[in-house]
Amino acid sequence: MLKRLYQLADAEVTKNVCEVSRFMPMTDSMLGGDLYKLATEVTLRCLILQKELLHVFCEPAAAALLMRLPNRYWFWSAIKGAIVQVDNEGVNKPLTQENVALALAEIRRGYTAKYNLRTPLAELNQAQVASRTAAGVILVRSCFGELDEVVFNPIFAPCPGTDGTFAQSAAALTASLLKA
């Protein structure tokens, strides 16, 4: 089950790379027809409600965390990373909140080599904002006219506890995302 989900996630990351820096919060309608098709094949059910679709592949807590992500690119990136976190015994089980949290912490950790994620938005210069936006650390929230806003991607926002151990970082990031 997770192997096929990984393949879908890999294709979706590529397809949605144009959203890397856009703030477009996830909704059930954004999950897509390919995930629906995979869910019906995996469950052998011909009908799955849209709001239950993600629960075919994720425990409810994991699904709730994934649905807090800012766009499809980061959603599918987190799914890919969560699947990598699964041990051999869990390949036919739904993803857990811990799998997703560890994936998000790993994504965050990968960006700390280039960016100081503790720096508040107000303290960044134009070049730093531009670089972080191109990478998806900062997102653009489209508004009417030229009233667009820049906001931190919640995966990378300054967050107490994310500088600790890997497990502490995953827990702090999860708490921050679910609170937002």
Protein backbone atom coordinates (compact mmCIF):
# COMPACT_ATOMS: atom_id res chain seq x y z
CA MET A 1 0.00 0.00 0.00
CA LEU A 2 2.67 2.53 1.03
CA LYS A 3 4.88 1.71 -1.95
CA ARG A 4 2.13 2.78 -4.33
CA LEU A 5 1.39 5.84 -2.19
CA TYR A 6 5.09 6.77 -2.32
CA GLN A 7 5.06 6.53 -6.11
CA LEU A 8 2.00 8.77 -6.25
CA ALA A 9 3.55 11.23 -3.79
CA ASP A 10 6.74 11.38 -5.82
CA ALA A 11 4.79 12.22 -8.97
CA GLU A 12 2.66 14.79 -7.11
CA VAL A 13 5.71 16.57 -5.66
CA THR A 14 7.03 17.02 -9.18
CA LYS A 15 3.63 18.10 -10.49
CA ASN A 16 3.11 20.64 -7.69
CA VAL A 17 6.62 22.11 -7.46
CA CYS A 18 5.16 25.37 -8.79
CA GLU A 19 3.37 25.75 -5.43
CA VAL A 20 6.53 25.52 -3.33
CA SER A 21 6.29 29.19 -2.32
CA ARG A 22 2.51 29.69 -2.45
CA PHE A 23 0.27 29.73 0.61
CA MET A 24 -2.74 27.65 -0.43
CA PRO A 25 -3.84 25.67 2.66
CA MET A 26 -4.89 22.09 2.05
CA THR A 27 -8.54 21.15 1.70
CA ASP A 28 -10.15 17.78 1.02
CA SER A 29 -10.85 18.83 -2.56
CA MET A 30 -7.11 19.27 -3.19
CA LEU A 31 -6.30 15.60 -2.56
CA GLY A 32 -6.99 14.74 -6.20
CA GLY A 33 -8.39 11.99 -8.31
CA ASP A 34 -5.24 9.88 -8.34
CA LEU A 35 -5.33 9.50 -4.55
CA TYR A 36 -9.02 8.62 -4.76
CA LYS A 37 -8.31 6.00 -7.42
CA LEU A 38 -5.50 4.51 -5.34
CA ALA A 39 -7.71 4.44 -2.24
CA THR A 40 -10.48 2.58 -4.06
CA GLU A 41 -7.97 0.06 -5.43
CA VAL A 42 -6.35 -0.50 -2.05
CA THR A 43 -9.62 -0.86 -0.14
CA LEU A 44 -11.56 -2.60 -2.92
CA ARG A 45 -14.39 -0.16 -2.25
CA CYS A 46 -16.04 1.66 -5.12
CA LEU A 47 -16.97 4.72 -3.05
CA ILE A 48 -14.99 6.62 -0.45
CA LEU A 49 -16.16 9.91 1.00
CA GLN A 50 -13.80 12.80 0.29
CA LYS A 51 -13.40 13.59 4.00
CA GLU A 52 -12.37 9.96 4.68
CA LEU A 53 -10.01 9.61 1.73
CA LEU A 54 -6.81 10.38 3.58
CA HIS A 55 -7.75 7.98 6.40
CA VAL A 56 -7.23 5.06 4.02
CA PHE A 57 -3.50 5.81 4.17
CA CYS A 58 -3.10 7.70 7.45
CA GLU A 59 -4.27 7.43 11.01
CA PRO A 60 -6.62 10.33 11.87
CA ALA A 61 -3.93 12.23 13.81
CA ALA A 62 -1.51 11.93 10.88
CA ALA A 63 -4.19 13.09 8.46
CA ALA A 64 -4.98 16.09 10.67
CA LEU A 65 -1.30 17.08 10.71
CA LEU A 66 -0.95 16.70 6.94
CA MET A 67 -4.04 18.82 6.31
CA ARG A 68 -2.40 21.70 8.22
CA LEU A 69 0.31 22.03 5.58
CA PRO A 70 0.38 25.15 3.42
CA ASN A 71 0.01 23.62 -0.06
CA ARG A 72 0.09 20.44 -2.14
CA TYR A 73 3.85 20.53 -2.65
CA TRP A 74 4.59 20.38 1.08
CA PHE A 75 1.72 17.95 1.69
CA TRP A 76 3.10 15.42 -0.79
CA SER A 77 6.69 16.04 0.34
CA ALA A 78 5.61 15.22 3.89
CA ILE A 79 3.89 12.03 2.74
CA LYS A 80 7.03 10.94 0.89
CA GLY A 81 9.14 11.65 3.94
CA ALA A 82 6.68 9.92 6.27
CA ILE A 83 6.76 6.76 4.19
CA VAL A 84 10.55 6.73 4.42
CA GLN A 85 10.16 6.82 8.24
CA VAL A 86 8.11 3.59 8.25
CA ASP A 87 9.89 0.39 9.23
CA ASN A 88 9.37 -2.90 7.38
CA GLU A 89 6.61 -4.02 9.75
CA GLY A 90 4.51 -0.94 9.00
CA VAL A 91 4.47 -0.97 5.20
CA ASN A 92 0.88 -2.24 5.07
CA LYS A 93 -0.38 -0.03 7.89
CA PRO A 94 -1.55 3.58 7.77
CA LEU A 95 0.97 6.34 8.38
CA THR A 96 1.10 7.54 11.98
CA GLN A 97 1.36 11.06 13.34
CA GLU A 98 4.88 10.17 14.45
CA ASN A 99 5.85 9.21 10.87
CA VAL A 100 4.57 12.57 9.59
CA ALA A 101 6.13 14.55 12.44
CA LEU A 102 9.52 12.95 11.87
CA ALA A 103 9.25 13.64 8.14
CA LEU A 104 8.48 17.31 8.79
CA ALA A 105 11.37 17.57 11.26
CA GLU A 106 13.67 16.01 8.65
CA ILE A 107 12.51 18.48 6.01
CA ARG A 108 13.10 21.35 8.44
CA ARG A 109 16.52 20.02 9.41
CA GLY A 110 17.54 19.85 5.76
CA TYR A 111 16.93 23.58 5.37
CA THR A 112 18.92 24.59 8.47
CA ALA A 113 22.16 24.02 6.57
CA LYS A 114 21.40 27.11 4.48
CA TYR A 115 18.95 29.19 6.52
CA ASN A 116 18.86 30.39 10.10
CA LEU A 117 15.25 29.48 10.82
CA ARG A 118 15.26 31.35 14.14
CA THR A 119 15.42 34.73 12.39
CA PRO A 120 12.09 36.58 12.48
CA LEU A 121 10.65 37.79 9.18
CA ALA A 122 11.04 41.46 10.18
CA GLU A 123 14.82 41.01 10.57
CA LEU A 124 15.42 39.57 7.09
CA ASN A 125 16.77 41.76 4.29
CA GLN A 126 15.31 41.69 0.76
CA ALA A 127 17.78 39.12 -0.56
CA GLN A 128 17.10 36.80 2.39
CA VAL A 129 13.34 37.11 1.89
CA ALA A 130 13.72 36.43 -1.83
CA SER A 131 15.96 33.39 -1.30
CA ARG A 132 13.68 31.94 1.38
CA THR A 133 10.61 32.54 -0.78
CA ALA A 134 12.15 30.79 -3.78
CA ALA A 135 12.91 27.81 -1.52
CA GLY A 136 9.45 27.75 0.08
CA VAL A 137 10.63 28.72 3.56
CA ILE A 138 8.58 31.88 3.18
CA LEU A 139 5.28 31.73 1.32
CA VAL A 140 3.26 34.25 -0.64
CA ARG A 141 -0.40 34.52 0.31
CA SER A 142 -2.23 35.90 -2.71
CA CYS A 143 -4.63 38.70 -1.93
CA PHE A 144 -6.66 41.10 -4.00
CA GLY A 145 -4.63 43.37 -6.26
CA GLU A 146 -1.12 43.96 -5.05
CA LEU A 147 -1.94 43.27 -1.42
CA ASP A 148 -0.14 39.92 -1.34
CA GLU A 149 1.47 38.97 1.96
CA VAL A 150 4.59 37.03 2.82
CA VAL A 151 4.27 34.53 5.66
CA PHE A 152 6.48 31.86 7.09
CA ASN A 153 5.84 28.34 5.93
CA PRO A 154 4.69 26.73 9.20
CA ILE A 155 7.26 23.97 8.71
CA PHE A 156 10.04 26.57 8.92
CA ALA A 157 8.60 29.27 11.16
CA PRO A 158 10.64 30.18 14.23
CA CYS A 159 9.40 27.70 16.81
CA PRO A 160 10.60 27.03 20.36
CA GLY A 161 11.84 23.47 20.83
CA THR A 162 12.88 22.82 17.24
CA ASP A 163 16.56 23.28 18.07
CA GLY A 164 16.64 20.31 20.44
CA THR A 165 17.01 16.64 19.60
CA PHE A 166 15.38 15.29 16.47
CA ALA A 167 12.45 13.87 18.49
CA GLN A 168 12.03 17.16 20.37
CA SER A 169 12.05 19.05 17.09
CA ALA A 170 9.38 16.75 15.64
CA ALA A 171 7.21 17.14 18.74
CA ALA A 172 7.57 20.95 18.81
CA LEU A 173 6.83 21.23 15.11
CA THR A 174 3.75 19.02 15.44
CA ALA A 175 2.43 21.05 18.37
CA SER A 176 3.01 24.29 16.48
CA LEU A 177 1.27 23.08 13.32
CA LEU A 178 -1.74 21.67 15.13
CA LYS A 179 -2.10 24.81 17.25
CA ALA A 180 -2.01 27.19 14.28
